[in-house]
Protein backbone atom coordinates (compact mmCIF):
# COMPACT_ATOMS: atom_id res chain seq x y z
CA MET A 1 -20.04 -88.29 -74.96
CA LEU A 2 -18.68 -84.95 -76.18
CA VAL A 3 -20.39 -81.82 -74.81
CA ASP A 4 -19.45 -78.21 -74.19
CA PHE A 5 -21.40 -75.98 -71.83
CA HIS A 6 -18.74 -73.26 -71.51
CA ILE A 7 -17.90 -71.42 -74.75
CA HIS A 8 -17.11 -67.80 -75.66
CA THR A 9 -17.81 -65.92 -78.90
CA THR A 10 -17.03 -62.51 -80.38
CA ALA A 11 -19.85 -61.15 -78.19
CA SER A 12 -17.27 -61.17 -75.36
CA ASP A 13 -13.64 -62.31 -75.73
CA GLY A 14 -13.83 -65.21 -78.18
CA THR A 15 -12.71 -65.03 -81.81
CA LEU A 16 -15.56 -66.90 -83.52
CA THR A 17 -18.98 -65.40 -84.18
CA PRO A 18 -21.93 -67.41 -82.81
CA GLU A 19 -22.67 -68.65 -86.35
CA GLN A 20 -19.04 -69.70 -86.94
CA LEU A 21 -19.04 -71.42 -83.57
CA VAL A 22 -22.09 -73.52 -84.43
CA GLY A 23 -20.28 -74.64 -87.58
CA GLU A 24 -17.28 -75.75 -85.50
CA ILE A 25 -19.55 -77.53 -83.03
CA GLU A 26 -21.09 -79.52 -85.89
CA LYS A 27 -17.64 -80.29 -87.26
CA HIS A 28 -16.50 -81.64 -83.87
CA ALA A 29 -19.68 -83.73 -83.44
CA ILE A 30 -20.63 -81.96 -80.20
CA GLN A 31 -24.34 -82.57 -79.65
CA TYR A 32 -25.02 -80.46 -76.55
CA PHE A 33 -23.59 -76.99 -75.99
CA ALA A 34 -24.07 -73.57 -74.43
CA ILE A 35 -22.65 -70.17 -75.36
CA THR A 36 -21.53 -68.54 -72.11
CA ASP A 37 -20.14 -65.11 -72.95
CA HIS A 38 -18.89 -62.87 -70.17
CA ASP A 39 -21.66 -60.73 -68.68
CA THR A 40 -23.67 -60.61 -71.93
CA ILE A 41 -26.25 -62.65 -73.84
CA ASP A 42 -26.03 -60.59 -77.05
CA GLY A 43 -24.32 -63.46 -78.87
CA LEU A 44 -27.16 -65.79 -77.96
CA LYS A 45 -29.74 -63.30 -79.18
CA SER A 46 -27.98 -62.96 -82.53
CA LEU A 47 -28.08 -66.72 -83.16
CA LYS A 48 -31.10 -67.27 -85.40
CA GLU A 49 -31.02 -70.99 -86.13
CA ILE A 50 -29.61 -74.12 -84.53
CA PRO A 51 -29.12 -77.00 -86.98
CA GLU A 52 -31.28 -80.07 -86.43
CA GLY A 53 -29.65 -82.56 -84.09
CA LEU A 54 -27.87 -79.95 -81.96
CA LEU A 55 -29.17 -78.92 -78.56
CA SER A 56 -28.31 -75.45 -77.31
CA VAL A 57 -29.15 -74.14 -73.83
CA THR A 58 -29.09 -70.50 -72.80
CA GLY A 59 -25.89 -69.60 -70.96
CA VAL A 60 -23.85 -66.74 -69.52
CA GLU A 61 -20.73 -66.36 -67.36
CA ILE A 62 -20.98 -63.67 -64.70
CA SER A 63 -17.86 -62.37 -62.94
CA ALA A 64 -18.44 -62.26 -59.18
CA GLU A 65 -16.73 -60.11 -56.56
CA PHE A 66 -14.03 -62.19 -54.86
CA GLU A 67 -10.46 -61.71 -53.69
CA LYS A 68 -9.18 -64.06 -56.39
CA THR A 69 -11.25 -65.36 -59.36
CA LEU A 70 -14.87 -66.43 -59.07
CA HIS A 71 -17.27 -66.83 -61.98
CA ILE A 72 -20.87 -67.97 -61.87
CA LEU A 73 -22.35 -69.69 -64.91
CA GLY A 74 -26.07 -69.30 -65.56
CA TYR A 75 -28.07 -71.81 -67.63
CA GLY A 76 -31.64 -72.35 -68.74
CA PHE A 77 -32.83 -68.82 -68.02
CA ASP A 78 -35.42 -66.82 -69.93
CA LEU A 79 -33.43 -65.00 -72.59
CA HIS A 80 -35.89 -62.09 -72.59
CA ASP A 81 -36.31 -61.62 -68.84
CA ARG A 82 -36.36 -57.86 -68.32
CA GLY A 83 -34.59 -57.72 -64.96
CA PHE A 84 -31.86 -60.08 -66.09
CA ASN A 85 -31.19 -58.05 -69.23
CA GLU A 86 -31.09 -54.81 -67.24
CA SER A 87 -28.56 -56.29 -64.80
CA LEU A 88 -26.27 -57.43 -67.62
CA ASN A 89 -26.62 -54.07 -69.37
CA GLU A 90 -25.43 -52.41 -66.16
CA LEU A 91 -22.22 -54.44 -66.33
CA GLN A 92 -21.70 -53.61 -70.00
CA ASP A 93 -22.29 -49.88 -69.49
CA TYR A 94 -19.58 -49.87 -66.83
CA ARG A 95 -17.25 -51.77 -69.17
CA LYS A 96 -17.69 -49.11 -71.86
CA GLY A 97 -16.62 -46.37 -69.44
CA ARG A 98 -13.63 -48.44 -68.38
CA ASN A 99 -12.55 -48.92 -71.99
CA GLN A 100 -12.51 -45.16 -72.59
CA GLN A 101 -10.33 -44.65 -69.51
CA MET A 102 -7.96 -47.38 -70.68
CA LEU A 103 -7.59 -45.61 -74.03
CA GLU A 104 -6.67 -42.41 -72.24
CA LYS A 105 -4.05 -44.28 -70.22
CA MET A 106 -2.63 -45.87 -73.38
CA SER A 107 -2.22 -42.46 -74.96
CA ARG A 108 0.04 -41.44 -72.08
CA PHE A 109 2.21 -44.46 -72.96
CA GLY A 110 2.41 -43.29 -76.58
CA MET A 111 -0.07 -45.88 -77.83
CA GLU A 112 -2.72 -44.30 -80.04
CA ILE A 113 -5.79 -46.49 -80.44
CA THR A 114 -9.30 -45.18 -80.99
CA LEU A 115 -12.59 -46.50 -79.68
CA GLU A 116 -13.75 -46.95 -83.28
CA GLU A 117 -10.77 -49.22 -83.98
CA LEU A 118 -11.59 -51.28 -80.89
CA ILE A 119 -15.21 -51.67 -81.93
CA ASP A 120 -14.12 -52.76 -85.42
CA GLU A 121 -11.72 -55.27 -83.86
CA ALA A 122 -14.40 -56.67 -81.56
CA GLY A 123 -17.12 -56.67 -84.20
CA SER A 124 -19.41 -54.91 -81.72
CA ASP A 125 -19.23 -52.34 -78.93
CA LEU A 126 -18.59 -55.14 -76.40
CA VAL A 127 -14.85 -54.64 -76.10
CA GLY A 128 -12.50 -56.61 -73.84
CA ARG A 129 -8.78 -56.73 -73.11
CA PRO A 130 -8.04 -59.26 -75.91
CA HIS A 131 -9.21 -56.66 -78.43
CA PHE A 132 -6.82 -54.10 -76.94
CA ALA A 133 -4.01 -56.68 -77.14
CA ASN A 134 -4.70 -57.55 -80.78
CA LEU A 135 -4.53 -53.89 -81.81
CA MET A 136 -1.38 -53.30 -79.77
CA VAL A 137 0.30 -56.11 -81.70
CA ARG A 138 -1.00 -54.92 -85.06
CA LYS A 139 0.23 -51.38 -84.47
CA GLY A 140 3.67 -52.57 -83.36
CA TYR A 141 3.44 -51.38 -79.75
CA VAL A 142 4.20 -54.93 -78.56
CA SER A 143 5.59 -57.97 -80.33
CA SER A 144 3.00 -60.49 -79.17
CA PHE A 145 -0.44 -60.93 -77.64
CA GLN A 146 1.17 -62.39 -74.51
CA GLU A 147 3.54 -59.42 -74.17
CA ALA A 148 0.55 -57.06 -74.27
CA PHE A 149 -0.98 -58.85 -71.30
CA ASP A 150 2.23 -59.44 -69.36
CA ASN A 151 3.52 -55.87 -69.64
CA TYR A 152 0.33 -53.81 -69.84
CA LEU A 153 -3.04 -55.53 -69.47
CA LYS A 154 -2.90 -58.19 -66.78
CA LYS A 155 -4.04 -57.45 -63.24
CA GLY A 156 -1.55 -55.07 -61.61
CA ALA A 157 -0.06 -53.94 -64.95
CA PRO A 158 -0.05 -50.23 -65.94
CA LEU A 159 -3.10 -50.31 -68.23
CA TYR A 160 -5.22 -52.71 -66.20
CA MET A 161 -8.54 -51.42 -64.94
CA ASP A 162 -10.91 -53.63 -63.03
CA LYS A 163 -14.44 -54.27 -64.27
CA LYS A 164 -17.65 -54.06 -62.31
CA ARG A 165 -18.69 -57.30 -60.65
CA PHE A 166 -21.75 -58.39 -58.75
CA ASP A 167 -21.44 -59.96 -55.33
CA PRO A 168 -21.81 -63.76 -55.60
CA ASP A 169 -25.24 -63.75 -53.96
CA LYS A 170 -26.45 -61.08 -56.42
CA ALA A 171 -25.13 -63.06 -59.41
CA ILE A 172 -26.99 -66.18 -58.25
CA GLU A 173 -30.10 -64.15 -57.44
CA ILE A 174 -30.44 -62.58 -60.89
CA ILE A 175 -29.95 -65.97 -62.60
CA HIS A 176 -32.66 -67.52 -60.42
CA ALA A 177 -34.99 -64.56 -60.97
CA ALA A 178 -34.75 -65.21 -64.73
CA GLY A 179 -35.69 -68.87 -64.19
CA GLY A 180 -32.16 -70.23 -64.59
CA ILE A 181 -29.77 -72.35 -62.57
CA ALA A 182 -26.46 -71.08 -61.13
CA VAL A 183 -23.21 -73.05 -61.42
CA MET A 184 -19.76 -72.40 -59.98
CA ALA A 185 -17.35 -72.16 -62.94
CA HIS A 186 -13.85 -73.74 -63.00
CA PRO A 187 -13.31 -74.10 -59.21
CA TYR A 188 -9.54 -74.40 -59.64
CA GLN A 189 -9.34 -70.75 -60.72
CA THR A 190 -10.28 -69.65 -57.20
CA LYS A 191 -6.79 -70.87 -56.20
CA LEU A 192 -8.44 -72.57 -53.21
CA GLU A 193 -8.14 -76.23 -52.29
CA GLY A 194 -9.52 -78.64 -49.73
CA ARG A 195 -11.27 -77.06 -46.75
CA ASP A 196 -10.78 -73.50 -48.03
CA LEU A 197 -12.54 -74.35 -51.30
CA GLU A 198 -15.25 -76.24 -49.43
CA HIS A 199 -15.83 -73.23 -47.16
CA LEU A 200 -16.41 -71.02 -50.21
CA LEU A 201 -18.62 -73.64 -51.81
CA LYS A 202 -20.76 -73.93 -48.67
CA LYS A 203 -21.26 -70.16 -48.70
CA LEU A 204 -22.32 -70.25 -52.36
CA VAL A 205 -24.71 -73.14 -51.59
CA SER A 206 -26.27 -71.00 -48.85
CA TYR A 207 -26.94 -68.37 -51.55
CA GLY A 208 -28.70 -70.99 -53.69
CA LEU A 209 -25.93 -72.40 -55.91
CA ASP A 210 -27.31 -75.25 -58.04
CA GLY A 211 -24.24 -76.81 -59.62
CA ILE A 212 -20.47 -77.02 -60.01
CA GLU A 213 -18.37 -77.26 -63.18
CA VAL A 214 -16.68 -80.58 -62.52
CA PHE A 215 -15.46 -81.39 -66.04
CA TYR A 216 -13.26 -78.64 -67.45
CA SER A 217 -10.37 -78.43 -69.88
CA GLN A 218 -7.82 -77.48 -67.20
CA HIS A 219 -9.03 -79.76 -64.39
CA THR A 220 -6.78 -82.68 -63.48
CA PRO A 221 -8.23 -86.14 -62.69
CA LEU A 222 -7.58 -85.41 -59.00
CA MET A 223 -9.53 -82.15 -59.21
CA ILE A 224 -12.40 -83.86 -61.00
CA ARG A 225 -12.66 -86.46 -58.23
CA GLU A 226 -12.61 -83.75 -55.57
CA TYR A 227 -15.25 -81.61 -57.30
CA MET A 228 -17.48 -84.61 -58.00
CA GLY A 229 -17.28 -85.40 -54.31
CA PHE A 230 -18.44 -81.88 -53.49
CA ALA A 231 -21.28 -82.24 -55.98
CA SER A 232 -22.45 -85.40 -54.27
CA GLN A 233 -22.02 -84.01 -50.75
CA TYR A 234 -23.91 -80.77 -51.38
CA ASN A 235 -26.47 -82.12 -53.87
CA LEU A 236 -25.10 -80.03 -56.75
CA ILE A 237 -25.54 -80.73 -60.46
CA ALA A 238 -22.26 -81.55 -62.25
CA THR A 239 -21.59 -79.69 -65.51
CA GLY A 240 -18.78 -79.66 -68.05
CA GLY A 241 -17.24 -77.25 -70.53
CA SER A 242 -13.98 -76.33 -72.22
CA ASP A 243 -13.89 -72.51 -71.82
CA PHE A 244 -13.15 -72.28 -75.54
CA HIS A 245 -12.11 -68.79 -76.76
CA GLY A 246 -10.84 -69.61 -80.24
CA ALA A 247 -7.54 -67.99 -81.26
CA ASN A 248 -7.38 -65.99 -78.01
CA LYS A 249 -6.73 -69.26 -76.11
CA PRO A 250 -5.51 -71.64 -78.80
CA GLN A 251 -4.44 -74.23 -76.24
CA ILE A 252 -8.09 -74.93 -75.36
CA PRO A 253 -10.00 -76.98 -77.97
CA LEU A 254 -13.77 -77.30 -78.19
CA GLY A 255 -15.51 -80.04 -76.25
CA VAL A 256 -15.03 -82.09 -73.10
CA GLU A 257 -15.49 -85.83 -72.87
CA VAL A 258 -17.90 -86.89 -70.12
CA SER A 259 -19.94 -89.97 -69.35
CA GLU A 260 -23.64 -89.77 -70.11
CA GLN A 261 -24.35 -90.86 -66.54
CA ASP A 262 -22.46 -87.86 -65.13
CA ILE A 263 -23.87 -85.15 -67.43
CA GLN A 264 -27.43 -86.37 -68.06
CA PRO A 265 -28.90 -84.92 -64.82
CA PHE A 266 -27.76 -81.44 -65.90
CA ILE A 267 -29.03 -81.85 -69.47
CA SER A 268 -32.44 -83.08 -68.29
CA PHE A 269 -32.81 -80.35 -65.66
CA VAL A 270 -31.78 -77.42 -67.83
CA CYS A 271 -33.86 -78.59 -70.80
CA GLN A 272 -36.88 -78.78 -68.53
CA ARG A 273 -36.26 -75.16 -67.49
CA GLN A 274 -36.09 -74.04 -71.10
CA ARG A 275 -39.33 -75.80 -72.00
CA MET A 276 -41.00 -73.91 -69.16
CA HIS A 277 -39.86 -70.55 -70.60
CA ARG A 278 -41.17 -71.45 -74.04
CA GLY A 279 -44.55 -72.18 -72.48
């Protein structure tokens, strides 16, 4: 079956609005999905209607403090939980300050871009590095989106500024406090393998981790077998998603193919959580 529980919209660094995304999901015959924007649920809140026959679960992707890359996906939480919204707003407020500092840095490199232009590009005040890159290309400061990242915006480059992250235990804690479940996103991005990856996973399990993203657009069959083994060993729910970003990552299409047997435990569990929130 085709599902996708890891998708980004214009509310973070995707290029499709939530409404446009739902249209694409229908077109691709994806029945189950979740919008998981980075550190925000504004896109979810803006989505007024889900067409009959589609099942959407609440989702978010929270960046966690780690020496490499570690993201925690949250699912099935109460969209209106006050503490959860306050925590995410804290991350977004920090991001806004970072964006202003990046603009000041760009000016010293002779690149004149205003905050208003960035907001127009993003379609909201939730601005990320892809929006900087798009404007840099449009204004002729670089020849391509990739050049903007390679020469200026990637980690270690002159314009890069880190964003605020929660410690992994805090990320899991706030998801649980809002009634959701916490899932380790794309394990391969940690750059850890074997015992090193298992050591990290055991630590996350001790914090209350509920699941692991086994099925993912960039996971090889060998990775999938390894991560499914971890799921079985540590009693974790297996999830799956593409990490679709639209034109910002054109190599990643919507949807991942999974067996109903592998994904049904997650679907059943997270839907039960959502029914509880609706009362």
